């Protein structure tokens, strides 16, 4: 991976992979459940950082 002068990775050259959201047969209710679960995990993680 190429790097910029600041030492940060150059994300312009990253190749994008197909994601679940790209699937035309995506089941919206399952995707919504997954997003809600991720939001709960993030909420718990942020809470533990505050208590840290």
C-alpha atoms as a PDB file:
ATOM      1  CA  UNK A   1       0.000   0.000   0.000  1.00  0.00           C
ATOM      2  CA  UNK A   2       1.372   3.381  -0.903  1.00  0.00           C
ATOM      3  CA  UNK A   3       1.770   5.957   1.834  1.00  0.00           C
ATOM      4  CA  UNK A   4       1.390   9.687   1.960  1.00  0.00           C
ATOM      5  CA  UNK A   5       4.091  11.903   3.413  1.00  0.00           C
ATOM      6  CA  UNK A   6       2.321  12.045   6.777  1.00  0.00           C
ATOM      7  CA  UNK A   7       2.638   8.278   7.242  1.00  0.00           C
ATOM      8  CA  UNK A   8      -1.075   7.672   6.679  1.00  0.00           C
ATOM      9  CA  UNK A   9      -2.165   4.980   4.204  1.00  0.00           C
ATOM     10  CA  UNK A  10      -3.283   6.221   0.800  1.00  0.00           C
ATOM     11  CA  UNK A  11      -6.868   4.962   0.639  1.00  0.00           C
ATOM     12  CA  UNK A  12      -7.388   6.194  -2.908  1.00  0.00           C
ATOM     13  CA  UNK A  13      -5.845   2.993  -4.277  1.00  0.00           C
ATOM     14  CA  UNK A  14      -7.918   0.608  -2.131  1.00  0.00           C
ATOM     15  CA  UNK A  15     -10.023  -1.829  -4.140  1.00  0.00           C
ATOM     16  CA  UNK A  16     -13.616  -2.010  -3.018  1.00  0.00           C
ATOM     17  CA  UNK A  17     -15.084  -5.432  -2.334  1.00  0.00           C
ATOM     18  CA  UNK A  18     -18.726  -6.252  -2.878  1.00  0.00           C
ATOM     19  CA  UNK A  19     -20.738  -5.928   0.303  1.00  0.00           C
ATOM     20  CA  UNK A  20     -23.976  -7.389   1.570  1.00  0.00           C
ATOM     21  CA  UNK A  21     -25.759  -4.139   0.758  1.00  0.00           C
ATOM     22  CA  UNK A  22     -24.819  -4.609  -2.915  1.00  0.00           C
ATOM     23  CA  UNK A  23     -26.928  -7.779  -3.106  1.00  0.00           C
ATOM     24  CA  UNK A  24     -30.131  -7.076  -5.067  1.00  0.00           C
ATOM     25  CA  UNK A  25     -31.886  -9.876  -3.145  1.00  0.00           C
ATOM     26  CA  UNK A  26     -31.075  -8.329   0.228  1.00  0.00           C
ATOM     27  CA  UNK A  27     -33.680  -9.081   2.870  1.00  0.00           C
ATOM     28  CA  UNK A  28     -34.286  -5.685   4.406  1.00  0.00           C
ATOM     29  CA  UNK A  29     -35.639  -7.005   7.712  1.00  0.00           C
ATOM     30  CA  UNK A  30     -32.491  -9.085   8.300  1.00  0.00           C
ATOM     31  CA  UNK A  31     -30.288  -6.135   7.373  1.00  0.00           C
ATOM     32  CA  UNK A  32     -32.185  -3.865   9.763  1.00  0.00           C
ATOM     33  CA  UNK A  33     -31.775  -6.417  12.567  1.00  0.00           C
ATOM     34  CA  UNK A  34     -28.033  -6.563  11.878  1.00  0.00           C
ATOM     35  CA  UNK A  35     -27.736  -2.760  11.942  1.00  0.00           C
ATOM     36  CA  UNK A  36     -29.622  -2.593  15.242  1.00  0.00           C
ATOM     37  CA  UNK A  37     -27.367  -5.265  16.746  1.00  0.00           C
ATOM     38  CA  UNK A  38     -24.292  -3.343  15.601  1.00  0.00           C
ATOM     39  CA  UNK A  39     -25.689  -0.157  17.133  1.00  0.00           C
ATOM     40  CA  UNK A  40     -26.164  -1.978  20.462  1.00  0.00           C
ATOM     41  CA  UNK A  41     -22.582  -3.268  20.365  1.00  0.00           C
ATOM     42  CA  UNK A  42     -21.292   0.232  19.620  1.00  0.00           C
ATOM     43  CA  UNK A  43     -23.388   1.694  22.451  1.00  0.00           C
ATOM     44  CA  UNK A  44     -22.010  -0.857  24.943  1.00  0.00           C
ATOM     45  CA  UNK A  45     -18.445  -0.285  23.708  1.00  0.00           C
ATOM     46  CA  UNK A  46     -18.764   3.480  24.102  1.00  0.00           C
ATOM     47  CA  UNK A  47     -20.216   3.023  27.572  1.00  0.00           C
ATOM     48  CA  UNK A  48     -17.297   0.871  28.663  1.00  0.00           C
ATOM     49  CA  UNK A  49     -14.861   3.503  27.370  1.00  0.00           C
ATOM     50  CA  UNK A  50     -16.570   6.158  29.483  1.00  0.00           C
ATOM     51  CA  UNK A  51     -16.307   3.987  32.594  1.00  0.00           C
ATOM     52  CA  UNK A  52     -12.760   2.943  31.668  1.00  0.00           C
END
